[in-house]
Amino acid sequence: MSDTPQDPATWLSVPEVAEILGLRQRDVRALVRDRRLLTVPHGPNGSAAIPGEFLLLPEESDEPGPLPALRGTLMLLADGGMDDQEAFRWLFTPDAELGTTPISALRERRTHAVRRVAQTLAL
């Protein structure tokens, strides 16, 4: 598998996420602080953006919001010494053991497999 991260299908600003989820912008920022979401500098001005893959949209779930398995995975990666940029890169880089990117595997509800791979990174 490649060591090059794939680009997210969509990039969303904090105001866009707030609108999609029916939240206030400060509530979205609280989700970022609580590590339920991750922002990454993106675009020509490096503004904070959220990959669309991090969200369950209203048409995908009765409970739209951050992907449920994301928080624990982000915390595990941080505990292993990864900063936000490194975590983002890892989530979007294809992994041979998973057969896909970790974020795709999380969206497929393969949480345990993703976290097992993430744990090996800390060793």
PDB file of N, CA and C in Angstrom:
ATOM      1  N   MET A   1       0.838  -1.181   0.000  1.00  0.00           N
ATOM      2  CA  MET A   1       0.000   0.000   0.000  1.00  0.00           C
ATOM      3  C   MET A   1       0.886   1.248   0.000  1.00  0.00           C
ATOM      4  N   SER A   2       0.303   2.337  -0.366  1.00  0.00           N
ATOM      5  CA  SER A   2       1.025   3.598  -0.516  1.00  0.00           C
ATOM      6  C   SER A   2       1.254   4.284   0.825  1.00  0.00           C
ATOM      7  N   ASP A   3       2.344   5.061   0.890  1.00  0.00           N
ATOM      8  CA  ASP A   3       2.593   5.894   2.066  1.00  0.00           C
ATOM      9  C   ASP A   3       2.057   7.301   1.863  1.00  0.00           C
ATOM     10  N   THR A   4       1.399   7.517   0.737  1.00  0.00           N
ATOM     11  CA  THR A   4       0.859   8.833   0.419  1.00  0.00           C
ATOM     12  C   THR A   4      -0.597   8.897   0.850  1.00  0.00           C
ATOM     13  N   PRO A   5      -0.939   9.876   1.678  1.00  0.00           N
ATOM     14  CA  PRO A   5      -2.340   9.965   2.103  1.00  0.00           C
ATOM     15  C   PRO A   5      -3.251  10.350   0.947  1.00  0.00           C
ATOM     16  N   GLN A   6      -4.457   9.813   0.983  1.00  0.00           N
ATOM     17  CA  GLN A   6      -5.472  10.196   0.014  1.00  0.00           C
ATOM     18  C   GLN A   6      -6.108  11.499   0.474  1.00  0.00           C
ATOM     19  N   ASP A   7      -6.566  12.276  -0.474  1.00  0.00           N
ATOM     20  CA  ASP A   7      -7.280  13.500  -0.117  1.00  0.00           C
ATOM     21  C   ASP A   7      -8.690  13.154   0.336  1.00  0.00           C
ATOM     22  N   PRO A   8      -9.188  13.843   1.349  1.00  0.00           N
ATOM     23  CA  PRO A   8     -10.593  13.653   1.719  1.00  0.00           C
ATOM     24  C   PRO A   8     -11.501  13.987   0.537  1.00  0.00           C
ATOM     25  N   ALA A   9     -12.649  13.324   0.471  1.00  0.00           N
ATOM     26  CA  ALA A   9     -13.600  13.584  -0.614  1.00  0.00           C
ATOM     27  C   ALA A   9     -14.120  15.012  -0.536  1.00  0.00           C
ATOM     28  N   THR A  10     -14.331  15.495   0.676  1.00  0.00           N
ATOM     29  CA  THR A  10     -14.812  16.868   0.869  1.00  0.00           C
ATOM     30  C   THR A  10     -14.120  17.484   2.070  1.00  0.00           C
ATOM     31  N   TRP A  11     -13.923  18.777   1.991  1.00  0.00           N
ATOM     32  CA  TRP A  11     -13.410  19.561   3.110  1.00  0.00           C
ATOM     33  C   TRP A  11     -14.529  20.493   3.541  1.00  0.00           C
ATOM     34  N   LEU A  12     -14.753  20.589   4.839  1.00  0.00           N
ATOM     35  CA  LEU A  12     -15.818  21.439   5.362  1.00  0.00           C
ATOM     36  C   LEU A  12     -15.250  22.428   6.372  1.00  0.00           C
ATOM     37  N   SER A  13     -15.758  23.638   6.331  1.00  0.00           N
ATOM     38  CA  SER A  13     -15.384  24.638   7.332  1.00  0.00           C
ATOM     39  C   SER A  13     -16.219  24.409   8.587  1.00  0.00           C
ATOM     40  N   VAL A  14     -15.816  25.027   9.675  1.00  0.00           N
ATOM     41  CA  VAL A  14     -16.596  24.934  10.918  1.00  0.00           C
ATOM     42  C   VAL A  14     -18.024  25.433  10.688  1.00  0.00           C
ATOM     43  N   PRO A  15     -18.233  26.584  10.017  1.00  0.00           N
ATOM     44  CA  PRO A  15     -19.609  27.018   9.763  1.00  0.00           C
ATOM     45  C   PRO A  15     -20.415  26.020   8.922  1.00  0.00           C
ATOM     46  N   GLU A  16     -19.764  25.368   7.955  1.00  0.00           N
ATOM     47  CA  GLU A  16     -20.473  24.374   7.138  1.00  0.00           C
ATOM     48  C   GLU A  16     -20.884  23.166   7.973  1.00  0.00           C
ATOM     49  N   VAL A  17     -19.993  22.695   8.840  1.00  0.00           N
ATOM     50  CA  VAL A  17     -20.326  21.563   9.709  1.00  0.00           C
ATOM     51  C   VAL A  17     -21.473  21.950  10.638  1.00  0.00           C
ATOM     52  N   ALA A  18     -21.421  23.156  11.180  1.00  0.00           N
ATOM     53  CA  ALA A  18     -22.494  23.624  12.060  1.00  0.00           C
ATOM     54  C   ALA A  18     -23.832  23.607  11.326  1.00  0.00           C
ATOM     55  N   GLU A  19     -23.843  24.075  10.102  1.00  0.00           N
ATOM     56  CA  GLU A  19     -25.089  24.107   9.330  1.00  0.00           C
ATOM     57  C   GLU A  19     -25.592  22.699   9.029  1.00  0.00           C
ATOM     58  N   ILE A  20     -24.700  21.822   8.597  1.00  0.00           N
ATOM     59  CA  ILE A  20     -25.080  20.448   8.257  1.00  0.00           C
ATOM     60  C   ILE A  20     -25.675  19.726   9.460  1.00  0.00           C
ATOM     61  N   LEU A  21     -25.053  19.913  10.626  1.00  0.00           N
ATOM     62  CA  LEU A  21     -25.487  19.188  11.828  1.00  0.00           C
ATOM     63  C   LEU A  21     -26.528  19.944  12.644  1.00  0.00           C
ATOM     64  N   GLY A  22     -26.842  21.174  12.241  1.00  0.00           N
ATOM     65  CA  GLY A  22     -27.818  21.962  12.992  1.00  0.00           C
ATOM     66  C   GLY A  22     -27.294  22.399  14.351  1.00  0.00           C
ATOM     67  N   LEU A  23     -26.008  22.723  14.407  1.00  0.00           N
ATOM     68  CA  LEU A  23     -25.367  23.144  15.652  1.00  0.00           C
ATOM     69  C   LEU A  23     -24.885  24.583  15.529  1.00  0.00           C
ATOM     70  N   ARG A  24     -24.531  25.158  16.656  1.00  0.00           N
ATOM     71  CA  ARG A  24     -23.860  26.459  16.641  1.00  0.00           C
ATOM     72  C   ARG A  24     -22.375  26.215  16.366  1.00  0.00           C
ATOM     73  N   GLN A  25     -21.714  27.232  15.811  1.00  0.00           N
ATOM     74  CA  GLN A  25     -20.287  27.087  15.516  1.00  0.00           C
ATOM     75  C   GLN A  25     -19.490  26.787  16.778  1.00  0.00           C
ATOM     76  N   ARG A  26     -19.863  27.392  17.883  1.00  0.00           N
ATOM     77  CA  ARG A  26     -19.113  27.123  19.116  1.00  0.00           C
ATOM     78  C   ARG A  26     -19.280  25.673  19.559  1.00  0.00           C
ATOM     79  N   ASP A  27     -20.430  25.060  19.221  1.00  0.00           N
ATOM     80  CA  ASP A  27     -20.617  23.646  19.550  1.00  0.00           C
ATOM     81  C   ASP A  27     -19.704  22.764  18.696  1.00  0.00           C
ATOM     82  N   VAL A  28     -19.510  23.150  17.441  1.00  0.00           N
ATOM     83  CA  VAL A  28     -18.583  22.407  16.579  1.00  0.00           C
ATOM     84  C   VAL A  28     -17.159  22.562  17.110  1.00  0.00           C
ATOM     85  N   ARG A  29     -16.797  23.763  17.521  1.00  0.00           N
ATOM     86  CA  ARG A  29     -15.455  23.974  18.093  1.00  0.00           C
ATOM     87  C   ARG A  29     -15.275  23.147  19.373  1.00  0.00           C
ATOM     88  N   ALA A  30     -16.352  22.995  20.145  1.00  0.00           N
ATOM     89  CA  ALA A  30     -16.288  22.154  21.349  1.00  0.00           C
ATOM     90  C   ALA A  30     -16.055  20.692  20.959  1.00  0.00           C
ATOM     91  N   LEU A  31     -16.666  20.246  19.863  1.00  0.00           N
ATOM     92  CA  LEU A  31     -16.426  18.881  19.382  1.00  0.00           C
ATOM     93  C   LEU A  31     -14.959  18.689  19.006  1.00  0.00           C
ATOM     94  N   VAL A  32     -14.349  19.728  18.446  1.00  0.00           N
ATOM     95  CA  VAL A  32     -12.921  19.664  18.102  1.00  0.00           C
ATOM     96  C   VAL A  32     -12.088  19.614  19.383  1.00  0.00           C
ATOM     97  N   ARG A  33     -12.400  20.471  20.347  1.00  0.00           N
ATOM     98  CA  ARG A  33     -11.657  20.474  21.622  1.00  0.00           C
ATOM     99  C   ARG A  33     -11.764  19.130  22.336  1.00  0.00           C
ATOM    100  N   ASP A  34     -12.943  18.502  22.245  1.00  0.00           N
ATOM    101  CA  ASP A  34     -13.174  17.211  22.899  1.00  0.00           C
ATOM    102  C   ASP A  34     -12.626  16.034  22.093  1.00  0.00           C
ATOM    103  N   ARG A  35     -11.980  16.335  20.971  1.00  0.00           N
ATOM    104  CA  ARG A  35     -11.391  15.335  20.072  1.00  0.00           C
ATOM    105  C   ARG A  35     -12.440  14.420  19.454  1.00  0.00           C
ATOM    106  N   ARG A  36     -13.653  14.925  19.304  1.00  0.00           N
ATOM    107  CA  ARG A  36     -14.680  14.188  18.569  1.00  0.00           C
ATOM    108  C   ARG A  36     -14.562  14.485  17.078  1.00  0.00           C
ATOM    109  N   LEU A  37     -13.915  15.598  16.763  1.00  0.00           N
ATOM    110  CA  LEU A  37     -13.589  15.993  15.394  1.00  0.00           C
ATOM    111  C   LEU A  37     -12.157  16.510  15.378  1.00  0.00           C
ATOM    112  N   LEU A  38     -11.601  16.590  14.193  1.00  0.00           N
ATOM    113  CA  LEU A  38     -10.235  17.068  14.014  1.00  0.00           C
ATOM    114  C   LEU A  38     -10.238  18.097  12.897  1.00  0.00           C
ATOM    115  N   THR A  39      -9.629  19.241  13.159  1.00  0.00           N
ATOM    116  CA  THR A  39      -9.454  20.224  12.089  1.00  0.00           C
ATOM    117  C   THR A  39      -8.019  20.166  11.602  1.00  0.00           C
ATOM    118  N   VAL A  40      -7.866  20.446  10.314  1.00  0.00           N
ATOM    119  CA  VAL A  40      -6.564  20.421   9.669  1.00  0.00           C
ATOM    120  C   VAL A  40      -6.448  21.678   8.819  1.00  0.00           C
ATOM    121  N   PRO A  41      -5.296  22.352   8.831  1.00  0.00           N
ATOM    122  CA  PRO A  41      -5.136  23.503   7.940  1.00  0.00           C
ATOM    123  C   PRO A  41      -5.287  23.060   6.481  1.00  0.00           C
ATOM    124  N   HIS A  42      -6.099  23.796   5.732  1.00  0.00           N
ATOM    125  CA  HIS A  42      -6.351  23.411   4.344  1.00  0.00           C
ATOM    126  C   HIS A  42      -6.599  24.650   3.497  1.00  0.00           C
ATOM    127  N   GLY A  43      -6.287  24.525   2.233  1.00  0.00           N
ATOM    128  CA  GLY A  43      -6.547  25.610   1.295  1.00  0.00           C
ATOM    129  C   GLY A  43      -5.419  26.618   1.258  1.00  0.00           C
ATOM    130  N   PRO A  44      -5.566  27.604   0.392  1.00  0.00           N
ATOM    131  CA  PRO A  44      -4.483  28.578   0.196  1.00  0.00           C
ATOM    132  C   PRO A  44      -4.169  29.413   1.432  1.00  0.00           C
ATOM    133  N   ASN A  45      -5.160  29.612   2.295  1.00  0.00           N
ATOM    134  CA  ASN A  45      -4.907  30.413   3.501  1.00  0.00           C
ATOM    135  C   ASN A  45      -4.720  29.554   4.746  1.00  0.00           C
ATOM    136  N   GLY A  46      -4.735  28.230   4.586  1.00  0.00           N
ATOM    137  CA  GLY A  46      -4.514  27.336   5.718  1.00  0.00           C
ATOM    138  C   GLY A  46      -5.577  27.403   6.793  1.00  0.00           C
ATOM    139  N   SER A  47      -6.808  27.704   6.396  1.00  0.00           N
ATOM    140  CA  SER A  47      -7.878  27.797   7.394  1.00  0.00           C
ATOM    141  C   SER A  47      -8.270  26.405   7.891  1.00  0.00           C
ATOM    142  N   ALA A  48      -8.796  26.359   9.102  1.00  0.00           N
ATOM    143  CA  ALA A  48      -9.187  25.093   9.719  1.00  0.00           C
ATOM    144  C   ALA A  48     -10.307  24.448   8.909  1.00  0.00           C
ATOM    145  N   ALA A  49     -10.103  23.193   8.554  1.00  0.00           N
ATOM    146  CA  ALA A  49     -11.098  22.454   7.785  1.00  0.00           C
ATOM    147  C   ALA A  49     -11.269  21.069   8.387  1.00  0.00           C
ATOM    148  N   ILE A  50     -12.447  20.516   8.187  1.00  0.00           N
ATOM    149  CA  ILE A  50     -12.788  19.195   8.714  1.00  0.00           C
ATOM    150  C   ILE A  50     -13.084  18.278   7.533  1.00  0.00           C
ATOM    151  N   PRO A  51     -12.386  17.146   7.425  1.00  0.00           N
ATOM    152  CA  PRO A  51     -12.711  16.208   6.351  1.00  0.00           C
ATOM    153  C   PRO A  51     -14.147  15.692   6.500  1.00  0.00           C
ATOM    154  N   GLY A  52     -14.866  15.672   5.393  1.00  0.00           N
ATOM    155  CA  GLY A  52     -16.251  15.206   5.418  1.00  0.00           C
ATOM    156  C   GLY A  52     -16.391  13.776   5.906  1.00  0.00           C
ATOM    157  N   GLU A  53     -15.352  12.967   5.721  1.00  0.00           N
ATOM    158  CA  GLU A  53     -15.400  11.572   6.166  1.00  0.00           C
ATOM    159  C   GLU A  53     -15.515  11.442   7.679  1.00  0.00           C
ATOM    160  N   PHE A  54     -15.227  12.497   8.406  1.00  0.00           N
ATOM    161  CA  PHE A  54     -15.316  12.457   9.866  1.00  0.00           C
ATOM    162  C   PHE A  54     -16.752  12.562  10.367  1.00  0.00           C
ATOM    163  N   LEU A  55     -17.701  12.795   9.456  1.00  0.00           N
ATOM    164  CA  LEU A  55     -19.089  13.011   9.859  1.00  0.00           C
ATOM    165  C   LEU A  55     -20.016  11.922   9.349  1.00  0.00           C
ATOM    166  N   LEU A  56     -21.050  11.645  10.135  1.00  0.00           N
ATOM    167  CA  LEU A  56     -22.207  10.904   9.658  1.00  0.00           C
ATOM    168  C   LEU A  56     -23.250  11.962   9.339  1.00  0.00           C
ATOM    169  N   LEU A  57     -23.665  12.020   8.099  1.00  0.00           N
ATOM    170  CA  LEU A  57     -24.600  13.042   7.654  1.00  0.00           C
ATOM    171  C   LEU A  57     -26.041  12.616   7.924  1.00  0.00           C
ATOM    172  N   PRO A  58     -26.965  13.560   7.925  1.00  0.00           N
ATOM    173  CA  PRO A  58     -28.370  13.218   8.186  1.00  0.00           C
ATOM    174  C   PRO A  58     -28.909  12.121   7.266  1.00  0.00           C
ATOM    175  N   GLU A  59     -28.458  12.092   6.020  1.00  0.00           N
ATOM    176  CA  GLU A  59     -28.940  11.049   5.106  1.00  0.00           C
ATOM    177  C   GLU A  59     -28.275   9.693   5.354  1.00  0.00           C
ATOM    178  N   GLU A  60     -27.241   9.652   6.189  1.00  0.00           N
ATOM    179  CA  GLU A  60     -26.537   8.400   6.491  1.00  0.00           C
ATOM    180  C   GLU A  60     -26.939   7.789   7.826  1.00  0.00           C
ATOM    181  N   SER A  61     -27.511   8.588   8.693  1.00  0.00           N
ATOM    182  CA  SER A  61     -27.749   8.124  10.060  1.00  0.00           C
ATOM    183  C   SER A  61     -28.926   8.861  10.685  1.00  0.00           C
ATOM    184  N   ASP A  62     -29.613   8.160  11.575  1.00  0.00           N
ATOM    185  CA  ASP A  62     -30.670   8.810  12.357  1.00  0.00           C
ATOM    186  C   ASP A  62     -30.072   9.772  13.370  1.00  0.00           C
ATOM    187  N   GLU A  63     -28.794   9.590  13.674  1.00  0.00           N
ATOM    188  CA  GLU A  63     -28.094  10.456  14.620  1.00  0.00           C
ATOM    189  C   GLU A  63     -26.869  11.058  13.935  1.00  0.00           C
ATOM    190  N   PRO A  64     -27.068  12.091  13.105  1.00  0.00           N
ATOM    191  CA  PRO A  64     -25.923  12.703  12.430  1.00  0.00           C
ATOM    192  C   PRO A  64     -24.975  13.359  13.426  1.00  0.00           C
ATOM    193  N   GLY A  65     -23.717  13.367  13.074  1.00  0.00           N
ATOM    194  CA  GLY A  65     -22.704  13.967  13.943  1.00  0.00           C
ATOM    195  C   GLY A  65     -21.350  13.378  13.625  1.00  0.00           C
ATOM    196  N   PRO A  66     -20.404  13.566  14.529  1.00  0.00           N
ATOM    197  CA  PRO A  66     -19.076  12.986  14.318  1.00  0.00           C
ATOM    198  C   PRO A  66     -19.153  11.459  14.248  1.00  0.00           C
ATOM    199  N   LEU A  67     -18.314  10.879  13.437  1.00  0.00           N
ATOM    200  CA  LEU A  67     -18.207   9.429  13.359  1.00  0.00           C
ATOM    201  C   LEU A  67     -17.914   8.904  14.766  1.00  0.00           C
ATOM    202  N   PRO A  68     -18.760   8.033  15.320  1.00  0.00           N
ATOM    203  CA  PRO A  68     -18.611   7.642  16.729  1.00  0.00           C
ATOM    204  C   PRO A  68     -17.237   7.085  17.107  1.00  0.00           C
ATOM    205  N   ALA A  69     -16.623   6.312  16.240  1.00  0.00           N
ATOM    206  CA  ALA A  69     -15.337   5.685  16.569  1.00  0.00           C
ATOM    207  C   ALA A  69     -14.154   6.635  16.439  1.00  0.00           C
ATOM    208  N   LEU A  70     -14.386   7.833  15.920  1.00  0.00           N
ATOM    209  CA  LEU A  70     -13.271   8.745  15.668  1.00  0.00           C
ATOM    210  C   LEU A  70     -12.601   9.206  16.956  1.00  0.00           C
ATOM    211  N   ARG A  71     -13.381   9.571  17.960  1.00  0.00           N
ATOM    212  CA  ARG A  71     -12.809  10.132  19.192  1.00  0.00           C
ATOM    213  C   ARG A  71     -11.810   9.173  19.847  1.00  0.00           C
ATOM    214  N   GLY A  72     -12.212   7.952  20.062  1.00  0.00           N
ATOM    215  CA  GLY A  72     -11.318   6.988  20.699  1.00  0.00           C
ATOM    216  C   GLY A  72     -10.065   6.734  19.882  1.00  0.00           C
ATOM    217  N   THR A  73     -10.225   6.726  18.573  1.00  0.00           N
ATOM    218  CA  THR A  73      -9.080   6.517  17.694  1.00  0.00           C
ATOM    219  C   THR A  73      -8.130   7.706  17.762  1.00  0.00           C
ATOM    220  N   LEU A  74      -8.676   8.930  17.731  1.00  0.00           N
ATOM    221  CA  LEU A  74      -7.830  10.121  17.845  1.00  0.00           C
ATOM    222  C   LEU A  74      -7.104  10.159  19.185  1.00  0.00           C
ATOM    223  N   MET A  75      -7.784   9.756  20.245  1.00  0.00           N
ATOM    224  CA  MET A  75      -7.149   9.743  21.568  1.00  0.00           C
ATOM    225  C   MET A  75      -6.029   8.706  21.619  1.00  0.00           C
ATOM    226  N   LEU A  76      -6.266   7.552  21.029  1.00  0.00           N
ATOM    227  CA  LEU A  76      -5.243   6.505  20.986  1.00  0.00           C
ATOM    228  C   LEU A  76      -4.010   6.985  20.214  1.00  0.00           C
ATOM    229  N   LEU A  77      -4.240   7.640  19.086  1.00  0.00           N
ATOM    230  CA  LEU A  77      -3.121   8.158  18.295  1.00  0.00           C
ATOM    231  C   LEU A  77      -2.362   9.241  19.061  1.00  0.00           C
ATOM    232  N   ALA A  78      -3.085  10.117  19.757  1.00  0.00           N
ATOM    233  CA  ALA A  78      -2.437  11.170  20.556  1.00  0.00           C
ATOM    234  C   ALA A  78      -1.634  10.554  21.696  1.00  0.00           C
ATOM    235  N   ASP A  79      -2.191   9.542  22.346  1.00  0.00           N
ATOM    236  CA  ASP A  79      -1.469   8.858  23.424  1.00  0.00           C
ATOM    237  C   ASP A  79      -0.192   8.202  22.902  1.00  0.00           C
ATOM    238  N   GLY A  80      -0.211   7.817  21.624  1.00  0.00           N
ATOM    239  CA  GLY A  80       0.965   7.217  21.002  1.00  0.00           C
ATOM    240  C   GLY A  80       1.972   8.244  20.510  1.00  0.00           C
ATOM    241  N   GLY A  81       1.673   9.530  20.717  1.00  0.00           N
ATOM    242  CA  GLY A  81       2.622  10.580  20.370  1.00  0.00           C
ATOM    243  C   GLY A  81       2.349  11.320  19.074  1.00  0.00           C
ATOM    244  N   MET A  82       1.238  11.024  18.412  1.00  0.00           N
ATOM    245  CA  MET A  82       0.936  11.712  17.157  1.00  0.00           C
ATOM    246  C   MET A  82       0.267  13.053  17.413  1.00  0.00           C
ATOM    247  N   ASP A  83       0.682  14.065  16.651  1.00  0.00           N
ATOM    248  CA  ASP A  83      -0.036  15.338  16.694  1.00  0.00           C
ATOM    249  C   ASP A  83      -1.199  15.263  15.692  1.00  0.00           C
ATOM    250  N   ASP A  84      -1.986  16.320  15.609  1.00  0.00           N
ATOM    251  CA  ASP A  84      -3.175  16.304  14.756  1.00  0.00           C
ATOM    252  C   ASP A  84      -2.837  16.077  13.286  1.00  0.00           C
ATOM    253  N   GLN A  85      -1.776  16.709  12.796  1.00  0.00           N
ATOM    254  CA  GLN A  85      -1.379  16.534  11.390  1.00  0.00           C
ATOM    255  C   GLN A  85      -0.993  15.086  11.113  1.00  0.00           C
ATOM    256  N   GLU A  86      -0.230  14.489  12.029  1.00  0.00           N
ATOM    257  CA  GLU A  86       0.185  13.095  11.852  1.00  0.00           C
ATOM    258  C   GLU A  86      -1.016  12.159  11.919  1.00  0.00           C
ATOM    259  N   ALA A  87      -1.945  12.429  12.825  1.00  0.00           N
ATOM    260  CA  ALA A  87      -3.151  11.603  12.934  1.00  0.00           C
ATOM    261  C   ALA A  87      -3.972  11.693  11.652  1.00  0.00           C
ATOM    262  N   PHE A  88      -4.139  12.913  11.146  1.00  0.00           N
ATOM    263  CA  PHE A  88      -4.863  13.088   9.886  1.00  0.00           C
ATOM    264  C   PHE A  88      -4.192  12.289   8.777  1.00  0.00           C
ATOM    265  N   ARG A  89      -2.889  12.446   8.663  1.00  0.00           N
ATOM    266  CA  ARG A  89      -2.147  11.742   7.605  1.00  0.00           C
ATOM    267  C   ARG A  89      -2.329  10.227   7.741  1.00  0.00           C
ATOM    268  N   TRP A  90      -2.228   9.707   8.948  1.00  0.00           N
ATOM    269  CA  TRP A  90      -2.376   8.267   9.155  1.00  0.00           C
ATOM    270  C   TRP A  90      -3.787   7.803   8.786  1.00  0.00           C
ATOM    271  N   LEU A  91      -4.794   8.553   9.187  1.00  0.00           N
ATOM    272  CA  LEU A  91      -6.177   8.160   8.905  1.00  0.00           C
ATOM    273  C   LEU A  91      -6.475   8.077   7.411  1.00  0.00           C
ATOM    274  N   PHE A  92      -5.771   8.864   6.613  1.00  0.00           N
ATOM    275  CA  PHE A  92      -6.047   8.904   5.176  1.00  0.00           C
ATOM    276  C   PHE A  92      -4.986   8.202   4.324  1.00  0.00           C
ATOM    277  N   THR A  93      -4.069   7.474   4.957  1.00  0.00           N
ATOM    278  CA  THR A  93      -3.047   6.726   4.225  1.00  0.00           C
ATOM    279  C   THR A  93      -3.442   5.253   4.178  1.00  0.00           C
ATOM    280  N   PRO A  94      -3.504   4.664   2.984  1.00  0.00           N
ATOM    281  CA  PRO A  94      -3.865   3.247   2.887  1.00  0.00           C
ATOM    282  C   PRO A  94      -2.950   2.372   3.749  1.00  0.00           C
ATOM    283  N   ASP A  95      -3.554   1.398   4.400  1.00  0.00           N
ATOM    284  CA  ASP A  95      -2.832   0.484   5.284  1.00  0.00           C
ATOM    285  C   ASP A  95      -2.996  -0.941   4.756  1.00  0.00           C
ATOM    286  N   ALA A  96      -1.887  -1.650   4.620  1.00  0.00           N
ATOM    287  CA  ALA A  96      -1.914  -3.004   4.059  1.00  0.00           C
ATOM    288  C   ALA A  96      -2.749  -3.952   4.913  1.00  0.00           C
ATOM    289  N   GLU A  97      -2.606  -3.862   6.225  1.00  0.00           N
ATOM    290  CA  GLU A  97      -3.344  -4.776   7.101  1.00  0.00           C
ATOM    291  C   GLU A  97      -4.853  -4.551   7.007  1.00  0.00           C
ATOM    292  N   LEU A  98      -5.262  -3.305   6.877  1.00  0.00           N
ATOM    293  CA  LEU A  98      -6.689  -2.985   6.778  1.00  0.00           C
ATOM    294  C   LEU A  98      -7.218  -3.155   5.355  1.00  0.00           C
ATOM    295  N   GLY A  99      -6.328  -3.066   4.376  1.00  0.00           N
ATOM    296  CA  GLY A  99      -6.753  -3.164   2.986  1.00  0.00           C
ATOM    297  C   GLY A  99      -7.421  -1.901   2.471  1.00  0.00           C
ATOM    298  N   THR A 100      -7.346  -0.837   3.234  1.00  0.00           N
ATOM    299  CA  THR A 100      -7.950   0.444   2.880  1.00  0.00           C
ATOM    300  C   THR A 100      -7.366   1.504   3.804  1.00  0.00           C
ATOM    301  N   THR A 101      -7.882   2.694   3.752  1.00  0.00           N
ATOM    302  CA  THR A 101      -7.433   3.715   4.700  1.00  0.00           C
ATOM    303  C   THR A 101      -8.102   3.473   6.050  1.00  0.00           C
ATOM    304  N   PRO A 102      -7.451   3.847   7.142  1.00  0.00           N
ATOM    305  CA  PRO A 102      -8.088   3.701   8.452  1.00  0.00           C
ATOM    306  C   PRO A 102      -9.434   4.431   8.550  1.00  0.00           C
ATOM    307  N   ILE A 103      -9.563   5.619   7.936  1.00  0.00           N
ATOM    308  CA  ILE A 103     -10.844   6.321   8.028  1.00  0.00           C
ATOM    309  C   ILE A 103     -11.934   5.550   7.290  1.00  0.00           C
ATOM    310  N   SER A 104     -11.599   4.933   6.163  1.00  0.00           N
ATOM    311  CA  SER A 104     -12.593   4.117   5.453  1.00  0.00           C
ATOM    312  C   SER A 104     -12.995   2.916   6.295  1.00  0.00           C
ATOM    313  N   ALA A 105     -12.017   2.298   6.938  1.00  0.00           N
ATOM    314  CA  ALA A 105     -12.320   1.156   7.804  1.00  0.00           C
ATOM    315  C   ALA A 105     -13.195   1.579   8.984  1.00  0.00           C
ATOM    316  N   LEU A 106     -12.935   2.753   9.559  1.00  0.00           N
ATOM    317  CA  LEU A 106     -13.798   3.241  10.643  1.00  0.00           C
ATOM    318  C   LEU A 106     -15.221   3.458  10.143  1.00  0.00           C
ATOM    319  N   ARG A 107     -15.364   3.993   8.954  1.00  0.00           N
ATOM    320  CA  ARG A 107     -16.697   4.216   8.386  1.00  0.00           C
ATOM    321  C   ARG A 107     -17.405   2.894   8.100  1.00  0.00           C
ATOM    322  N   GLU A 108     -16.619   1.827   7.900  1.00  0.00           N
ATOM    323  CA  GLU A 108     -17.177   0.483   7.690  1.00  0.00           C
ATOM    324  C   GLU A 108     -17.428  -0.228   9.021  1.00  0.00           C
ATOM    325  N   ARG A 109     -17.250   0.483  10.113  1.00  0.00           N
ATOM    326  CA  ARG A 109     -17.459  -0.032  11.479  1.00  0.00           C
ATOM    327  C   ARG A 109     -16.442  -1.110  11.866  1.00  0.00           C
ATOM    328  N   ARG A 110     -15.221  -0.978  11.371  1.00  0.00           N
ATOM    329  CA  ARG A 110     -14.136  -1.904  11.709  1.00  0.00           C
ATOM    330  C   ARG A 110     -13.229  -1.264  12.761  1.00  0.00           C
ATOM    331  N   THR A 111     -13.847  -0.767  13.799  1.00  0.00           N
ATOM    332  CA  THR A 111     -13.157  -0.004  14.834  1.00  0.00           C
ATOM    333  C   THR A 111     -12.028  -0.797  15.479  1.00  0.00           C
ATOM    334  N   HIS A 112     -12.295  -2.040  15.863  1.00  0.00           N
ATOM    335  CA  HIS A 112     -11.276  -2.831  16.566  1.00  0.00           C
ATOM    336  C   HIS A 112     -10.050  -3.065  15.684  1.00  0.00           C
ATOM    337  N   ALA A 113     -10.272  -3.342  14.407  1.00  0.00           N
ATOM    338  CA  ALA A 113      -9.141  -3.562  13.498  1.00  0.00           C
ATOM    339  C   ALA A 113      -8.300  -2.293  13.368  1.00  0.00           C
ATOM    340  N   VAL A 114      -8.964  -1.147  13.247  1.00  0.00           N
ATOM    341  CA  VAL A 114      -8.240   0.122  13.119  1.00  0.00           C
ATOM    342  C   VAL A 114      -7.431   0.401  14.379  1.00  0.00           C
ATOM    343  N   ARG A 115      -8.038   0.211  15.527  1.00  0.00           N
ATOM    344  CA  ARG A 115      -7.330   0.510  16.780  1.00  0.00           C
ATOM    345  C   ARG A 115      -6.203  -0.477  17.045  1.00  0.00           C
ATOM    346  N   ARG A 116      -6.362  -1.703  16.596  1.00  0.00           N
ATOM    347  CA  ARG A 116      -5.274  -2.682  16.741  1.00  0.00           C
ATOM    348  C   ARG A 116      -4.052  -2.213  15.938  1.00  0.00           C
ATOM    349  N   VAL A 117      -4.288  -1.740  14.715  1.00  0.00           N
ATOM    350  CA  VAL A 117      -3.192  -1.219  13.890  1.00  0.00           C
ATOM    351  C   VAL A 117      -2.611   0.035  14.531  1.00  0.00           C
ATOM    352  N   ALA A 118      -3.465   0.914  15.033  1.00  0.00           N
ATOM    353  CA  ALA A 118      -2.997   2.158  15.665  1.00  0.00           C
ATOM    354  C   ALA A 118      -2.129   1.861  16.887  1.00  0.00           C
ATOM    355  N   GLN A 119      -2.481   0.840  17.646  1.00  0.00           N
ATOM    356  CA  GLN A 119      -1.698   0.497  18.837  1.00  0.00           C
ATOM    357  C   GLN A 119      -0.287   0.076  18.469  1.00  0.00           C
ATOM    358  N   THR A 120      -0.117  -0.567  17.337  1.00  0.00           N
ATOM    359  CA  THR A 120       1.224  -1.004  16.941  1.00  0.00           C
ATOM    360  C   THR A 120       2.120   0.181  16.603  1.00  0.00           C
ATOM    361  N   LEU A 121       1.530   1.314  16.254  1.00  0.00           N
ATOM    362  CA  LEU A 121       2.322   2.502  15.929  1.00  0.00           C
ATOM    363  C   LEU A 121       3.017   3.075  17.155  1.00  0.00           C
ATOM    364  N   ALA A 122       2.428   2.865  18.320  1.00  0.00           N
ATOM    365  CA  ALA A 122       2.981   3.426  19.555  1.00  0.00           C
ATOM    366  C   ALA A 122       4.157   2.604  20.082  1.00  0.00           C
ATOM    367  N   LEU A 123       4.309   1.403  19.567  1.00  0.00           N
ATOM    368  CA  LEU A 123       5.382   0.525  20.071  1.00  0.00           C
ATOM    369  C   LEU A 123       6.726   0.886  19.516  1.00  0.00           C
TER     370      LEU A 123
END
